[in-house]
Protein backbone atom coordinates (compact mmCIF):
# COMPACT_ATOMS: atom_id res chain seq x y z
CA MET A 1 36.71 62.54 16.22
CA SER A 2 37.08 66.10 17.42
CA LYS A 3 34.61 67.30 19.98
CA ARG A 4 34.77 70.84 18.65
CA SER A 5 31.42 71.95 17.29
CA SER A 6 30.35 74.66 14.91
CA LEU A 7 26.79 75.92 15.07
CA ALA A 8 25.15 76.59 11.75
CA SER A 9 24.66 80.30 11.14
CA PRO A 10 21.14 81.60 11.86
CA PRO A 11 20.09 81.85 8.18
CA ALA A 12 21.11 78.24 7.59
CA ARG A 13 19.27 77.00 10.65
CA LEU A 14 16.14 78.88 9.59
CA LEU A 15 16.33 77.26 6.17
CA LEU A 16 16.38 73.74 7.54
CA PRO A 17 12.63 73.02 7.92
CA ALA A 18 11.89 74.12 4.37
CA LEU A 19 14.99 72.33 3.11
CA LEU A 20 13.68 69.08 4.50
CA VAL A 21 10.42 69.43 2.61
CA LEU A 22 12.14 70.23 -0.66
CA VAL A 23 14.83 67.59 -0.53
CA LEU A 24 12.92 64.62 0.84
CA GLY A 25 9.29 65.50 0.33
CA GLY A 26 7.64 62.56 -1.40
CA CYS A 27 10.77 60.39 -1.23
CA GLN A 28 11.31 57.12 0.56
CA THR A 29 14.70 56.37 2.05
CA ALA A 30 15.56 52.71 2.02
CA GLY A 31 18.30 52.53 4.58
CA ILE A 32 21.19 54.09 6.38
CA GLU A 33 23.08 54.46 3.11
CA ASP A 34 20.35 56.78 1.79
CA VAL A 35 20.34 59.19 4.70
CA THR A 36 21.08 62.77 3.68
CA GLY A 37 21.84 65.84 5.69
CA ALA A 38 18.09 65.91 6.23
CA LEU A 39 18.41 62.66 8.26
CA GLY A 40 15.22 61.39 9.76
CA VAL A 41 12.68 63.36 7.75
CA ARG A 42 10.14 61.32 5.85
CA SER A 43 6.88 62.23 4.17
CA GLU A 44 3.97 60.75 6.09
CA THR A 45 2.09 60.33 2.81
CA ALA A 46 4.94 58.60 1.02
CA VAL A 47 3.63 55.12 1.69
CA LYS A 48 3.68 52.37 -0.88
CA ALA A 49 0.21 51.50 -2.10
CA ASP A 50 0.93 47.80 -1.74
CA ALA A 51 2.59 48.04 1.69
CA LYS A 52 -0.36 46.89 3.81
CA PRO A 53 -0.30 43.15 3.02
CA GLU A 54 3.44 43.02 3.58
CA MET A 55 3.09 45.01 6.79
CA ASP A 56 0.34 42.72 8.06
CA ALA A 57 2.52 39.67 7.43
CA LEU A 58 5.49 41.24 9.21
CA ARG A 59 3.31 42.23 12.14
CA GLU A 60 2.13 38.66 12.55
CA ARG A 61 5.69 37.34 12.34
CA TYR A 62 6.78 39.84 14.98
CA ARG A 63 3.93 38.92 17.30
CA ALA A 64 4.84 35.24 16.92
CA LYS A 65 8.58 35.80 17.49
CA PRO A 66 9.14 39.17 19.17
CA SER A 67 12.57 38.08 20.43
CA ASP A 68 13.89 37.17 16.97
CA PRO A 69 16.34 39.98 16.04
CA ASN A 70 15.94 39.48 12.29
CA VAL A 71 12.16 39.69 12.51
CA ALA A 72 12.35 42.78 14.71
CA LEU A 73 14.78 44.43 12.31
CA ALA A 74 12.56 43.75 9.29
CA TYR A 75 9.43 44.92 11.10
CA GLY A 76 11.12 48.06 12.39
CA LYS A 77 12.34 48.91 8.89
CA ALA A 78 8.84 48.42 7.47
CA LEU A 79 7.38 50.67 10.15
CA ARG A 80 9.90 53.38 9.30
CA GLU A 81 9.20 53.12 5.59
CA THR A 82 5.46 53.55 6.16
CA GLY A 83 5.91 56.59 8.38
CA GLN A 84 5.08 54.87 11.69
CA ARG A 85 7.99 56.44 13.51
CA ALA A 86 6.97 56.05 17.13
CA GLN A 87 6.11 52.39 16.61
CA ALA A 88 9.44 51.79 14.88
CA VAL A 89 11.31 53.30 17.82
CA ALA A 90 9.37 51.16 20.28
CA VAL A 91 10.01 47.93 18.35
CA MET A 92 13.71 48.64 17.90
CA GLU A 93 14.15 49.74 21.50
CA GLN A 94 12.72 46.45 22.76
CA ALA A 95 14.90 44.51 20.35
CA VAL A 96 18.04 46.30 21.51
CA LEU A 97 17.15 45.72 25.16
CA ALA A 98 16.95 42.00 24.40
CA HIS A 99 20.09 41.97 22.23
CA PRO A 100 22.27 44.89 23.43
CA SER A 101 25.36 43.86 21.46
CA ASN A 102 23.65 43.27 18.11
CA LYS A 103 25.21 45.87 15.76
CA ALA A 104 22.50 45.58 13.11
CA LEU A 105 19.77 46.21 15.70
CA LEU A 106 21.69 49.17 17.12
CA ALA A 107 22.01 50.65 13.63
CA GLY A 108 18.29 50.14 13.02
CA TYR A 109 17.43 51.69 16.36
CA GLY A 110 19.63 54.69 15.58
CA ARG A 111 17.89 55.14 12.25
CA ALA A 112 14.46 54.97 13.89
CA LEU A 113 15.48 57.55 16.49
CA ALA A 114 16.72 59.85 13.75
CA ASP A 115 13.43 59.50 11.89
CA SER A 116 11.70 60.67 15.05
CA GLY A 117 13.94 63.71 15.43
CA ASN A 118 15.93 62.39 18.40
CA PHE A 119 19.25 63.25 16.82
CA GLN A 120 21.50 63.24 19.88
CA GLN A 121 20.21 59.87 21.01
CA ALA A 122 20.46 58.60 17.43
CA PHE A 123 24.09 59.67 17.27
CA ASP A 124 24.85 57.96 20.58
CA VAL A 125 23.19 54.71 19.52
CA LEU A 126 24.89 54.75 16.11
CA SER A 127 28.20 55.17 17.93
CA ARG A 128 27.48 51.92 19.75
CA ALA A 129 26.73 50.26 16.42
CA HIS A 130 30.05 51.30 14.95
CA ALA A 131 33.23 49.29 15.43
CA PRO A 132 36.41 51.35 14.87
CA GLU A 133 38.34 48.22 13.97
CA ASP A 134 35.78 47.46 11.23
CA PRO A 135 34.46 50.87 10.16
CA ASP A 136 31.14 51.10 8.31
CA TRP A 137 30.92 54.09 5.99
CA ARG A 138 27.13 54.06 6.11
CA ILE A 139 27.08 54.51 9.87
CA LEU A 140 29.81 57.17 9.73
CA SER A 141 27.76 59.11 7.19
CA ALA A 142 24.60 58.76 9.25
CA GLN A 143 26.44 59.98 12.35
CA GLY A 144 27.59 63.00 10.38
CA ALA A 145 24.05 63.72 9.26
CA ALA A 146 22.82 63.54 12.86
CA LEU A 147 25.55 65.97 13.93
CA ASP A 148 24.52 68.36 11.15
CA GLN A 149 20.98 68.31 12.52
CA LEU A 150 22.44 69.25 15.89
CA GLY A 151 24.29 72.20 14.34
CA ARG A 152 27.70 70.59 14.79
CA ASN A 153 28.74 71.00 11.18
CA GLU A 154 32.53 70.92 11.43
CA GLU A 155 32.37 67.77 13.53
CA ALA A 156 29.92 66.23 11.03
CA GLN A 157 32.33 66.93 8.19
CA GLN A 158 35.01 64.87 9.92
CA TYR A 159 32.67 61.88 9.89
CA TYR A 160 31.95 62.35 6.20
CA ALA A 161 35.71 62.56 5.55
CA ALA A 162 36.20 59.28 7.41
CA ALA A 163 33.44 57.67 5.34
CA LEU A 164 34.95 58.95 2.09
CA LYS A 165 38.28 57.36 2.98
CA ILE A 166 36.47 54.02 2.81
CA VAL A 167 34.33 54.79 -0.26
CA PRO A 168 35.88 57.68 -2.20
CA ASP A 169 33.35 59.72 -4.18
CA GLU A 170 30.35 57.82 -2.81
CA PRO A 171 27.50 60.12 -3.94
CA THR A 172 25.32 59.70 -0.84
CA VAL A 173 28.19 60.75 1.43
CA LEU A 174 29.13 63.62 -0.86
CA SER A 175 25.50 64.74 -0.82
CA ASN A 176 25.54 64.84 2.98
CA LEU A 177 28.82 66.73 2.97
CA GLY A 178 27.51 69.26 0.47
CA LEU A 179 24.46 69.96 2.62
CA SER A 180 26.73 70.35 5.62
CA TYR A 181 28.63 73.10 3.82
CA MET A 182 25.33 74.67 2.81
CA LEU A 183 24.28 74.82 6.45
CA GLN A 184 27.44 76.82 7.08
CA ASN A 185 26.47 79.17 4.23
CA ASN A 186 29.56 78.04 2.32
CA LEU A 187 27.64 77.80 -0.93
CA PRO A 188 30.57 77.60 -3.40
CA LYS A 189 32.03 74.66 -1.48
CA ALA A 190 28.60 73.06 -1.21
CA GLU A 191 28.13 73.36 -4.98
CA GLN A 192 31.56 71.86 -5.65
CA VAL A 193 30.90 68.80 -3.48
CA LEU A 194 27.32 68.30 -4.67
CA GLY A 195 28.52 68.64 -8.25
CA ARG A 196 30.86 65.70 -7.62
CA ALA A 197 27.95 63.71 -6.20
CA TYR A 198 25.81 64.55 -9.22
CA GLN A 199 28.53 63.47 -11.64
CA ARG A 200 28.78 60.15 -9.83
CA ASN A 201 25.01 59.52 -9.87
CA GLN A 202 22.86 61.80 -11.99
CA ASN A 203 19.80 59.62 -11.43
CA ASP A 204 19.59 60.18 -7.66
CA ALA A 205 16.69 62.57 -7.07
CA ARG A 206 18.02 63.52 -3.65
CA VAL A 207 21.40 64.56 -5.03
CA ARG A 208 19.71 66.59 -7.78
CA ALA A 209 17.42 68.31 -5.28
CA ASN A 210 20.31 69.19 -2.99
CA LEU A 211 22.37 70.60 -5.86
CA ALA A 212 19.36 72.51 -7.18
CA LEU A 213 18.83 74.09 -3.78
CA VAL A 214 22.43 75.29 -3.58
CA LEU A 215 22.30 76.66 -7.12
CA GLY A 216 19.07 78.48 -6.33
CA LEU A 217 20.53 79.99 -3.18
CA GLN A 218 23.26 81.47 -5.36
CA GLY A 219 20.71 83.10 -7.65
CA ARG A 220 20.97 80.54 -10.45
CA GLU A 221 17.30 79.62 -10.44
CA ALA A 222 17.05 78.55 -14.08
CA GLU A 223 19.77 75.93 -13.59
CA ALA A 224 18.16 74.82 -10.34
CA GLU A 225 14.73 74.35 -11.90
CA ILE A 226 16.15 72.19 -14.70
CA LEU A 227 17.62 69.85 -12.10
CA VAL A 228 14.48 69.79 -9.96
CA LYS A 229 12.25 68.90 -12.91
CA ALA A 230 14.45 66.14 -14.31
CA ASP A 231 12.64 62.83 -14.89
CA LEU A 232 9.47 63.97 -13.07
CA PRO A 233 5.90 63.98 -14.40
CA PRO A 234 4.72 67.53 -15.19
CA ASP A 235 2.55 67.89 -12.07
CA GLN A 236 5.30 66.72 -9.73
CA ALA A 237 7.87 68.86 -11.52
CA ALA A 238 5.67 71.93 -11.10
CA ALA A 239 5.23 71.19 -7.41
CA LYS A 240 8.98 70.82 -6.86
CA VAL A 241 9.72 74.05 -8.72
CA ALA A 242 7.07 75.86 -6.65
CA ALA A 243 8.62 74.51 -3.46
CA LEU A 244 12.06 75.66 -4.58
CA ARG A 245 10.80 79.14 -5.46
CA GLN A 246 8.97 79.45 -2.16
CA LEU A 247 12.06 78.43 -0.23
CA LEU A 248 14.28 80.86 -2.11
CA ALA A 249 11.75 83.66 -1.61
CA LYS A 250 11.71 83.03 2.15
CA LYS A 251 15.50 83.07 2.20
CA GLN A 252 15.52 86.42 0.42
CA GLN A 253 12.91 87.85 2.79
CA ARG A 254 15.04 86.89 5.77
CA ALA A 255 18.13 88.35 4.14
CA ASP A 256 16.32 91.66 3.60
CA LYS A 257 15.31 91.99 7.24
């Protein structure tokens, strides 16, 4: 991959914190295949109501067999999914130290690091998890998302392109790529790519939210709100629309300065 980087323009970088809230607020990501351009951001309150018994059982299994890589991987994933980011990093770090060549553990560790906002380290660890002779599109896409968080958008797009060679039109990769273009303020290109992702999977709330954001940034708020509200209960739909309007208002305020 090229080492050339392209920093996101200042307006795009300023949008990122609010973007993360809008796109992933209230959502749970299940794995590396679900990571978007907002890699690593997870709502602390988005915890399954029935997660505690399962977590307690995993914790006991981990305490009984801390050196078992499969147990560590399952426990680390559960910690991530319940918002316990620091603990997930610690568990996965210890597992990788004990099994430094285990690709699954390296991938899990990279994901945990990304959740905690350590994007450069996450990218480095994910690179160790990836085997060029047996490329994994999920890891390539996650590496691209980490690079986008670091402002290295053009480099990130090369990783997405590599992933799409393996899985053409995979909506999660297209969603990442669309956000990458958005961070460069290339909104027409972002809409084109996110539109492809939406056509491939109209039921993915993340894809809809990403496309809605790009539409809203182009002044097409009515279209954006229809997408944001799709399949949501009225109270959640209203909250998402309010978040979108607030984000777009902040963008306009910055543009006017």
